[in-house]
Amino acid sequence: MELLRFEADAYCRLMSMVGQLLAHFNIAADAPADMGIKIHDKVFDELGGTLGEMLRLLEQLKLPLAQKHIARMMDDFKENAASFSNKALTRNLYELTARIVDELGERLFLSVPVMQAPLYLQTEPPFGRPVTNKFPQMTEDISEAAKCLSLDRPTACVFHLMRVMELAVQRFGNELSVALVAEKNWQVILDQINAVVRRLDARDAKTKKYAQAASHLYNVKVAWRNEVMHPKQTYTFDEAKVIFDNAKTFVTDLSNIL
């Protein structure tokens, strides 16, 4: 299930606008008459645009009750801006703030650590575009593995990586004419692959690529901490991160070979 991403920047901009308006209009409304503080016409000219921007931010944050309230404020302002008093605006802004707080209070927000956020946002494919282009059937599980890791769900991450590795090992076996479709034991897989690689011409550039991929597959096997291609009961974040990185290296190697 895709998590609702809370747009913190939109919330900060919105509450900044509310705070600035409250500060400006409260001072003007409460100041003694002899202080000469006055709301300039330019402020009222800009208020309609400010309310419109606030409405757009509320739509971005998906806060329907607050949206309805500010929509009514905009309608009142458009009908008769001159009668839109300081006290009326201040009262409406306080009510708007209360609605925002109430609506956000019904939500659960998860904070993703800064270093893990790219794994969730995925502005680029987690294993790189060459892997996505070469192995489109792996795309979903690679993406989900990265998201699980970003949200500190390491064991779930490894379960997705298991599906990725099953496909990758099968493709590697096909490339070397080794039947690995049903094989799950890591050592058996490595033994069969290494046996084929040893029979190839060591001077051939592709043989070197095969050997490199096999060595990275061995690193996945070591990090997996299980004799068969099935995750152990639980993994820590650090364990899953090592598996993720080694699986990425192996699959990237494979994409360059095929």
C-alpha atoms as a PDB file:
ATOM      1  CA  MET A   1       0.000   0.000   0.000  1.00  0.00           C
ATOM      2  CA  GLU A   2       1.385   3.351  -1.004  1.00  0.00           C
ATOM      3  CA  LEU A   3       1.766   5.685   1.980  1.00  0.00           C
ATOM      4  CA  LEU A   4       0.330   9.192   1.792  1.00  0.00           C
ATOM      5  CA  ARG A   5       3.312  11.455   1.579  1.00  0.00           C
ATOM      6  CA  PHE A   6       2.914  14.455   3.832  1.00  0.00           C
ATOM      7  CA  GLU A   7       4.026  17.608   2.062  1.00  0.00           C
ATOM      8  CA  ALA A   8       5.839  19.269   4.956  1.00  0.00           C
ATOM      9  CA  ASP A   9       6.976  22.197   2.810  1.00  0.00           C
ATOM     10  CA  ALA A  10       3.343  23.006   1.933  1.00  0.00           C
ATOM     11  CA  TYR A  11       2.384  22.909   5.612  1.00  0.00           C
ATOM     12  CA  CYS A  12       5.252  25.239   6.554  1.00  0.00           C
ATOM     13  CA  ARG A  13       4.359  27.752   3.826  1.00  0.00           C
ATOM     14  CA  LEU A  14       0.694  27.645   4.784  1.00  0.00           C
ATOM     15  CA  MET A  15       1.255  28.221   8.499  1.00  0.00           C
ATOM     16  CA  SER A  16       3.782  30.956   7.725  1.00  0.00           C
ATOM     17  CA  MET A  17       1.108  32.784   5.718  1.00  0.00           C
ATOM     18  CA  VAL A  18      -1.437  32.358   8.496  1.00  0.00           C
ATOM     19  CA  GLY A  19       1.052  33.616  11.092  1.00  0.00           C
ATOM     20  CA  GLN A  20       2.026  36.676   9.042  1.00  0.00           C
ATOM     21  CA  LEU A  21      -1.592  37.627   8.405  1.00  0.00           C
ATOM     22  CA  LEU A  22      -2.507  37.194  12.077  1.00  0.00           C
ATOM     23  CA  ALA A  23       0.452  39.283  13.206  1.00  0.00           C
ATOM     24  CA  HIS A  24      -0.309  42.063  10.720  1.00  0.00           C
ATOM     25  CA  PHE A  25      -4.064  42.310  11.226  1.00  0.00           C
ATOM     26  CA  ASN A  26      -3.974  41.694  14.995  1.00  0.00           C
ATOM     27  CA  ILE A  27      -1.567  44.608  15.499  1.00  0.00           C
ATOM     28  CA  ALA A  28      -3.720  46.875  13.396  1.00  0.00           C
ATOM     29  CA  ALA A  29      -6.927  45.810  15.103  1.00  0.00           C
ATOM     30  CA  ASP A  30      -5.649  46.111  18.675  1.00  0.00           C
ATOM     31  CA  ALA A  31      -3.472  49.194  18.376  1.00  0.00           C
ATOM     32  CA  PRO A  32      -4.629  52.403  20.136  1.00  0.00           C
ATOM     33  CA  ALA A  33      -6.082  54.976  17.792  1.00  0.00           C
ATOM     34  CA  ASP A  34      -3.301  57.482  18.464  1.00  0.00           C
ATOM     35  CA  MET A  35      -0.643  55.059  17.215  1.00  0.00           C
ATOM     36  CA  GLY A  36      -1.745  55.698  13.664  1.00  0.00           C
ATOM     37  CA  ILE A  37      -1.330  52.035  12.554  1.00  0.00           C
ATOM     38  CA  LYS A  38      -3.334  51.454   9.440  1.00  0.00           C
ATOM     39  CA  ILE A  39      -3.984  48.644   6.934  1.00  0.00           C
ATOM     40  CA  HIS A  40      -2.862  49.963   3.586  1.00  0.00           C
ATOM     41  CA  ASP A  41      -4.968  49.367   0.488  1.00  0.00           C
ATOM     42  CA  LYS A  42      -2.117  47.323  -1.003  1.00  0.00           C
ATOM     43  CA  VAL A  43      -2.491  44.752   1.776  1.00  0.00           C
ATOM     44  CA  PHE A  44      -6.139  44.263   0.909  1.00  0.00           C
ATOM     45  CA  ASP A  45      -5.245  44.102  -2.786  1.00  0.00           C
ATOM     46  CA  GLU A  46      -2.849  41.238  -2.064  1.00  0.00           C
ATOM     47  CA  LEU A  47      -5.097  39.429   0.414  1.00  0.00           C
ATOM     48  CA  GLY A  48      -7.233  37.789  -2.272  1.00  0.00           C
ATOM     49  CA  GLY A  49      -4.143  36.287  -3.914  1.00  0.00           C
ATOM     50  CA  THR A  50      -2.811  35.130  -0.545  1.00  0.00           C
ATOM     51  CA  LEU A  51      -6.067  33.355   0.266  1.00  0.00           C
ATOM     52  CA  GLY A  52      -5.981  31.707  -3.157  1.00  0.00           C
ATOM     53  CA  GLU A  53      -2.448  30.427  -2.547  1.00  0.00           C
ATOM     54  CA  MET A  54      -3.491  29.146   0.886  1.00  0.00           C
ATOM     55  CA  LEU A  55      -6.380  27.260  -0.719  1.00  0.00           C
ATOM     56  CA  ARG A  56      -3.984  25.606  -3.191  1.00  0.00           C
ATOM     57  CA  LEU A  57      -1.736  24.516  -0.308  1.00  0.00           C
ATOM     58  CA  LEU A  58      -4.720  23.070   1.560  1.00  0.00           C
ATOM     59  CA  GLU A  59      -5.673  21.107  -1.563  1.00  0.00           C
ATOM     60  CA  GLN A  60      -2.104  19.807  -1.750  1.00  0.00           C
ATOM     61  CA  LEU A  61      -2.327  18.731   1.896  1.00  0.00           C
ATOM     62  CA  LYS A  62      -5.771  17.171   1.280  1.00  0.00           C
ATOM     63  CA  LEU A  63      -7.542  18.953   4.159  1.00  0.00           C
ATOM     64  CA  PRO A  64     -11.182  19.212   2.967  1.00  0.00           C
ATOM     65  CA  LEU A  65     -12.727  20.950   5.999  1.00  0.00           C
ATOM     66  CA  ALA A  66     -10.065  23.657   6.015  1.00  0.00           C
ATOM     67  CA  GLN A  67     -10.535  24.025   2.253  1.00  0.00           C
ATOM     68  CA  LYS A  68     -14.269  24.669   2.707  1.00  0.00           C
ATOM     69  CA  HIS A  69     -13.595  27.268   5.376  1.00  0.00           C
ATOM     70  CA  ILE A  70     -11.074  29.250   3.336  1.00  0.00           C
ATOM     71  CA  ALA A  71     -13.308  28.994   0.251  1.00  0.00           C
ATOM     72  CA  ARG A  72     -16.036  30.761   2.242  1.00  0.00           C
ATOM     73  CA  MET A  73     -13.516  33.386   3.333  1.00  0.00           C
ATOM     74  CA  MET A  74     -12.605  34.005  -0.297  1.00  0.00           C
ATOM     75  CA  ASP A  75     -16.264  34.315  -1.293  1.00  0.00           C
ATOM     76  CA  ASP A  76     -16.894  36.837   1.491  1.00  0.00           C
ATOM     77  CA  PHE A  77     -13.802  38.798   0.525  1.00  0.00           C
ATOM     78  CA  LYS A  78     -14.786  38.901  -3.147  1.00  0.00           C
ATOM     79  CA  GLU A  79     -18.314  40.093  -2.331  1.00  0.00           C
ATOM     80  CA  ASN A  80     -17.219  43.010  -0.184  1.00  0.00           C
ATOM     81  CA  ALA A  81     -13.523  43.397   0.543  1.00  0.00           C
ATOM     82  CA  ALA A  82     -14.013  46.794   2.167  1.00  0.00           C
ATOM     83  CA  SER A  83     -16.159  45.348   4.955  1.00  0.00           C
ATOM     84  CA  PHE A  84     -13.755  42.491   5.616  1.00  0.00           C
ATOM     85  CA  SER A  85     -12.661  43.823   8.998  1.00  0.00           C
ATOM     86  CA  ASN A  86      -9.507  43.031  10.925  1.00  0.00           C
ATOM     87  CA  LYS A  87     -11.468  41.261  13.636  1.00  0.00           C
ATOM     88  CA  ALA A  88     -13.413  39.181  11.118  1.00  0.00           C
ATOM     89  CA  LEU A  89     -10.233  38.133   9.322  1.00  0.00           C
ATOM     90  CA  THR A  90      -8.464  37.342  12.606  1.00  0.00           C
ATOM     91  CA  ARG A  91     -11.402  35.249  13.833  1.00  0.00           C
ATOM     92  CA  ASN A  92     -11.506  33.337  10.528  1.00  0.00           C
ATOM     93  CA  LEU A  93      -7.774  32.702  10.568  1.00  0.00           C
ATOM     94  CA  TYR A  94      -7.908  31.303  14.095  1.00  0.00           C
ATOM     95  CA  GLU A  95     -10.752  29.005  13.038  1.00  0.00           C
ATOM     96  CA  LEU A  96      -8.774  27.968   9.958  1.00  0.00           C
ATOM     97  CA  THR A  97      -5.773  27.088  12.146  1.00  0.00           C
ATOM     98  CA  ALA A  98      -7.997  25.019  14.464  1.00  0.00           C
ATOM     99  CA  ARG A  99      -9.418  23.087  11.507  1.00  0.00           C
ATOM    100  CA  ILE A 100      -5.946  22.357  10.127  1.00  0.00           C
ATOM    101  CA  VAL A 101      -4.777  21.098  13.532  1.00  0.00           C
ATOM    102  CA  ASP A 102      -7.910  18.941  13.965  1.00  0.00           C
ATOM    103  CA  GLU A 103      -7.624  17.381  10.522  1.00  0.00           C
ATOM    104  CA  LEU A 104      -3.907  16.670  10.816  1.00  0.00           C
ATOM    105  CA  GLY A 105      -4.537  15.190  14.266  1.00  0.00           C
ATOM    106  CA  GLU A 106      -6.485  12.366  12.572  1.00  0.00           C
ATOM    107  CA  ARG A 107      -3.484  11.306  10.508  1.00  0.00           C
ATOM    108  CA  LEU A 108      -0.493   9.108  11.235  1.00  0.00           C
ATOM    109  CA  PHE A 109       2.777  10.554   9.946  1.00  0.00           C
ATOM    110  CA  LEU A 110       5.970   8.571   9.533  1.00  0.00           C
ATOM    111  CA  SER A 111       9.308  10.313   9.406  1.00  0.00           C
ATOM    112  CA  VAL A 112      11.844   8.763   7.043  1.00  0.00           C
ATOM    113  CA  PRO A 113      15.491   9.457   8.022  1.00  0.00           C
ATOM    114  CA  VAL A 114      17.233  11.803   5.608  1.00  0.00           C
ATOM    115  CA  MET A 115      19.777   9.177   4.532  1.00  0.00           C
ATOM    116  CA  GLN A 116      16.985   6.699   3.727  1.00  0.00           C
ATOM    117  CA  ALA A 117      14.606   9.124   2.015  1.00  0.00           C
ATOM    118  CA  PRO A 118      16.056   8.594  -1.517  1.00  0.00           C
ATOM    119  CA  LEU A 119      15.212   4.890  -1.199  1.00  0.00           C
ATOM    120  CA  TYR A 120      11.564   5.854  -0.740  1.00  0.00           C
ATOM    121  CA  LEU A 121      11.321   8.799  -3.150  1.00  0.00           C
ATOM    122  CA  GLN A 122      13.180   6.987  -5.963  1.00  0.00           C
ATOM    123  CA  THR A 123      13.779   9.884  -8.325  1.00  0.00           C
ATOM    124  CA  GLU A 124      15.949   7.320 -10.140  1.00  0.00           C
ATOM    125  CA  PRO A 125      15.420   3.517 -10.226  1.00  0.00           C
ATOM    126  CA  PRO A 126      17.066   2.021  -7.103  1.00  0.00           C
ATOM    127  CA  PHE A 127      19.220  -0.381  -9.154  1.00  0.00           C
ATOM    128  CA  GLY A 128      19.765   2.090 -12.004  1.00  0.00           C
ATOM    129  CA  ARG A 129      18.121   2.550 -15.399  1.00  0.00           C
ATOM    130  CA  PRO A 130      20.165  -0.137 -17.221  1.00  0.00           C
ATOM    131  CA  VAL A 131      18.765  -2.751 -14.831  1.00  0.00           C
ATOM    132  CA  THR A 132      15.219  -1.416 -15.271  1.00  0.00           C
ATOM    133  CA  ASN A 133      15.576  -1.519 -19.048  1.00  0.00           C
ATOM    134  CA  LYS A 134      17.141  -4.987 -19.119  1.00  0.00           C
ATOM    135  CA  PHE A 135      14.924  -6.605 -16.459  1.00  0.00           C
ATOM    136  CA  PRO A 136      11.537  -4.831 -16.398  1.00  0.00           C
ATOM    137  CA  GLN A 137       9.980  -7.823 -14.601  1.00  0.00           C
ATOM    138  CA  MET A 138      12.178  -7.049 -11.570  1.00  0.00           C
ATOM    139  CA  THR A 139      11.177  -3.383 -11.364  1.00  0.00           C
ATOM    140  CA  GLU A 140       8.337  -3.694  -8.856  1.00  0.00           C
ATOM    141  CA  ASP A 141      10.192  -5.916  -6.396  1.00  0.00           C
ATOM    142  CA  ILE A 142      13.341  -3.767  -6.575  1.00  0.00           C
ATOM    143  CA  SER A 143      11.253  -0.663  -5.905  1.00  0.00           C
ATOM    144  CA  GLU A 144       9.413  -2.314  -3.008  1.00  0.00           C
ATOM    145  CA  ALA A 145      12.663  -3.633  -1.528  1.00  0.00           C
ATOM    146  CA  ALA A 146      14.054  -0.090  -1.501  1.00  0.00           C
ATOM    147  CA  LYS A 147      10.893   1.319   0.085  1.00  0.00           C
ATOM    148  CA  CYS A 148      10.831  -1.387   2.752  1.00  0.00           C
ATOM    149  CA  LEU A 149      14.452  -0.598   3.584  1.00  0.00           C
ATOM    150  CA  SER A 150      13.713   3.136   3.788  1.00  0.00           C
ATOM    151  CA  LEU A 151      10.873   2.467   6.255  1.00  0.00           C
ATOM    152  CA  ASP A 152      12.995   0.180   8.470  1.00  0.00           C
ATOM    153  CA  ARG A 153      11.248  -3.024   7.366  1.00  0.00           C
ATOM    154  CA  PRO A 154      14.439  -4.988   6.668  1.00  0.00           C
ATOM    155  CA  THR A 155      12.987  -8.508   6.606  1.00  0.00           C
ATOM    156  CA  ALA A 156      10.306  -7.441   4.113  1.00  0.00           C
ATOM    157  CA  CYS A 157      13.073  -5.862   2.037  1.00  0.00           C
ATOM    158  CA  VAL A 158      14.907  -9.204   1.853  1.00  0.00           C
ATOM    159  CA  PHE A 159      11.733 -11.050   0.844  1.00  0.00           C
ATOM    160  CA  HIS A 160      11.413  -8.748  -2.174  1.00  0.00           C
ATOM    161  CA  LEU A 161      15.109  -9.189  -2.941  1.00  0.00           C
ATOM    162  CA  MET A 162      14.580 -12.962  -2.891  1.00  0.00           C
ATOM    163  CA  ARG A 163      12.207 -12.625  -5.850  1.00  0.00           C
ATOM    164  CA  VAL A 164      14.715 -10.399  -7.620  1.00  0.00           C
ATOM    165  CA  MET A 165      17.557 -12.849  -7.044  1.00  0.00           C
ATOM    166  CA  GLU A 166      15.509 -15.824  -8.220  1.00  0.00           C
ATOM    167  CA  LEU A 167      15.017 -14.142 -11.595  1.00  0.00           C
ATOM    168  CA  ALA A 168      18.608 -12.906 -11.765  1.00  0.00           C
ATOM    169  CA  VAL A 169      20.143 -16.302 -10.956  1.00  0.00           C
ATOM    170  CA  GLN A 170      17.888 -17.974 -13.507  1.00  0.00           C
ATOM    171  CA  ARG A 171      19.006 -15.500 -16.202  1.00  0.00           C
ATOM    172  CA  PHE A 172      22.660 -15.987 -15.253  1.00  0.00           C
ATOM    173  CA  GLY A 173      22.201 -19.763 -15.454  1.00  0.00           C
ATOM    174  CA  ASN A 174      20.563 -19.462 -18.880  1.00  0.00           C
ATOM    175  CA  GLU A 175      23.483 -17.345 -20.080  1.00  0.00           C
ATOM    176  CA  LEU A 176      25.935 -20.056 -18.991  1.00  0.00           C
ATOM    177  CA  SER A 177      23.670 -22.936 -20.118  1.00  0.00           C
ATOM    178  CA  VAL A 178      23.257 -24.108 -16.523  1.00  0.00           C
ATOM    179  CA  ALA A 179      19.802 -25.247 -15.381  1.00  0.00           C
ATOM    180  CA  LEU A 180      19.175 -23.292 -12.161  1.00  0.00           C
ATOM    181  CA  VAL A 181      15.423 -22.731 -12.433  1.00  0.00           C
ATOM    182  CA  ALA A 182      14.479 -24.938  -9.473  1.00  0.00           C
ATOM    183  CA  GLU A 183      17.758 -24.690  -7.553  1.00  0.00           C
ATOM    184  CA  LYS A 184      17.607 -22.819  -4.232  1.00  0.00           C
ATOM    185  CA  ASN A 185      20.796 -23.872  -2.462  1.00  0.00           C
ATOM    186  CA  TRP A 186      23.338 -21.077  -2.716  1.00  0.00           C
ATOM    187  CA  GLN A 187      26.421 -23.300  -2.683  1.00  0.00           C
ATOM    188  CA  VAL A 188      25.050 -25.595  -5.392  1.00  0.00           C
ATOM    189  CA  ILE A 189      24.268 -22.562  -7.552  1.00  0.00           C
ATOM    190  CA  LEU A 190      27.757 -21.151  -7.081  1.00  0.00           C
ATOM    191  CA  ASP A 191      29.438 -24.514  -7.674  1.00  0.00           C
ATOM    192  CA  GLN A 192      27.625 -25.024 -10.976  1.00  0.00           C
ATOM    193  CA  ILE A 193      28.326 -21.475 -12.176  1.00  0.00           C
ATOM    194  CA  ASN A 194      31.991 -21.572 -11.177  1.00  0.00           C
ATOM    195  CA  ALA A 195      32.466 -24.946 -12.856  1.00  0.00           C
ATOM    196  CA  VAL A 196      31.277 -23.494 -16.163  1.00  0.00           C
ATOM    197  CA  VAL A 197      33.334 -20.306 -15.795  1.00  0.00           C
ATOM    198  CA  ARG A 198      36.520 -22.311 -15.119  1.00  0.00           C
ATOM    199  CA  ARG A 199      36.081 -24.156 -18.417  1.00  0.00           C
ATOM    200  CA  LEU A 200      35.927 -20.908 -20.410  1.00  0.00           C
ATOM    201  CA  ASP A 201      38.858 -19.082 -21.964  1.00  0.00           C
ATOM    202  CA  ALA A 202      40.350 -17.023 -19.124  1.00  0.00           C
ATOM    203  CA  ARG A 203      41.690 -14.486 -21.634  1.00  0.00           C
ATOM    204  CA  ASP A 204      38.242 -13.703 -23.007  1.00  0.00           C
ATOM    205  CA  ALA A 205      36.844 -10.379 -21.713  1.00  0.00           C
ATOM    206  CA  LYS A 206      33.414 -11.918 -21.252  1.00  0.00           C
ATOM    207  CA  THR A 207      34.841 -14.707 -19.110  1.00  0.00           C
ATOM    208  CA  LYS A 208      36.218 -12.050 -16.782  1.00  0.00           C
ATOM    209  CA  LYS A 209      32.758 -10.476 -16.579  1.00  0.00           C
ATOM    210  CA  TYR A 210      31.238 -13.870 -15.751  1.00  0.00           C
ATOM    211  CA  ALA A 211      33.837 -14.397 -13.016  1.00  0.00           C
ATOM    212  CA  GLN A 212      33.174 -10.954 -11.582  1.00  0.00           C
ATOM    213  CA  ALA A 213      29.434 -11.552 -11.531  1.00  0.00           C
ATOM    214  CA  ALA A 214      29.998 -14.913  -9.844  1.00  0.00           C
ATOM    215  CA  SER A 215      32.129 -13.267  -7.151  1.00  0.00           C
ATOM    216  CA  HIS A 216      29.409 -10.715  -6.470  1.00  0.00           C
ATOM    217  CA  LEU A 217      26.858 -13.509  -6.332  1.00  0.00           C
ATOM    218  CA  TYR A 218      29.040 -15.110  -3.665  1.00  0.00           C
ATOM    219  CA  ASN A 219      28.862 -11.841  -1.695  1.00  0.00           C
ATOM    220  CA  VAL A 220      25.063 -12.010  -1.856  1.00  0.00           C
ATOM    221  CA  LYS A 221      25.206 -15.587  -0.567  1.00  0.00           C
ATOM    222  CA  VAL A 222      27.405 -14.579   2.389  1.00  0.00           C
ATOM    223  CA  ALA A 223      25.207 -11.610   3.274  1.00  0.00           C
ATOM    224  CA  TRP A 224      22.039 -13.742   2.938  1.00  0.00           C
ATOM    225  CA  ARG A 225      23.034 -15.742   6.033  1.00  0.00           C
ATOM    226  CA  ASN A 226      20.965 -18.715   4.959  1.00  0.00           C
ATOM    227  CA  GLU A 227      22.024 -21.804   3.036  1.00  0.00           C
ATOM    228  CA  VAL A 228      19.054 -21.654   0.692  1.00  0.00           C
ATOM    229  CA  MET A 229      17.572 -18.837  -1.325  1.00  0.00           C
ATOM    230  CA  HIS A 230      14.964 -18.126   1.323  1.00  0.00           C
ATOM    231  CA  PRO A 231      15.296 -15.365   3.942  1.00  0.00           C
ATOM    232  CA  LYS A 232      15.973 -16.307   7.518  1.00  0.00           C
ATOM    233  CA  GLN A 233      13.335 -15.404  10.079  1.00  0.00           C
ATOM    234  CA  THR A 234      14.439 -11.812  10.670  1.00  0.00           C
ATOM    235  CA  TYR A 235      17.034  -9.352   9.410  1.00  0.00           C
ATOM    236  CA  THR A 236      18.384  -6.164  10.921  1.00  0.00           C
ATOM    237  CA  PHE A 237      18.553  -2.965   8.907  1.00  0.00           C
ATOM    238  CA  ASP A 238      22.318  -3.310   8.501  1.00  0.00           C
ATOM    239  CA  GLU A 239      22.008  -6.919   7.300  1.00  0.00           C
ATOM    240  CA  ALA A 240      19.308  -6.025   4.780  1.00  0.00           C
ATOM    241  CA  LYS A 241      21.322  -3.032   3.562  1.00  0.00           C
ATOM    242  CA  VAL A 242      24.329  -5.265   2.842  1.00  0.00           C
ATOM    243  CA  ILE A 243      22.127  -7.710   0.920  1.00  0.00           C
ATOM    244  CA  PHE A 244      20.489  -4.838  -0.970  1.00  0.00           C
ATOM    245  CA  ASP A 245      23.859  -3.380  -1.995  1.00  0.00           C
ATOM    246  CA  ASN A 246      25.317  -6.733  -3.027  1.00  0.00           C
ATOM    247  CA  ALA A 247      22.191  -7.724  -4.944  1.00  0.00           C
ATOM    248  CA  LYS A 248      22.337  -4.373  -6.740  1.00  0.00           C
ATOM    249  CA  THR A 249      25.973  -4.967  -7.703  1.00  0.00           C
ATOM    250  CA  PHE A 250      25.267  -8.487  -8.977  1.00  0.00           C
ATOM    251  CA  VAL A 251      22.163  -7.543 -10.973  1.00  0.00           C
ATOM    252  CA  THR A 252      23.993  -4.518 -12.430  1.00  0.00           C
ATOM    253  CA  ASP A 253      26.854  -6.816 -13.511  1.00  0.00           C
ATOM    254  CA  LEU A 254      24.329  -9.166 -15.068  1.00  0.00           C
ATOM    255  CA  SER A 255      22.633  -6.365 -16.991  1.00  0.00           C
ATOM    256  CA  ASN A 256      26.015  -5.469 -18.507  1.00  0.00           C
ATOM    257  CA  ILE A 257      26.666  -9.080 -19.560  1.00  0.00           C
ATOM    258  CA  LEU A 258      23.343  -9.935 -21.197  1.00  0.00           C
END
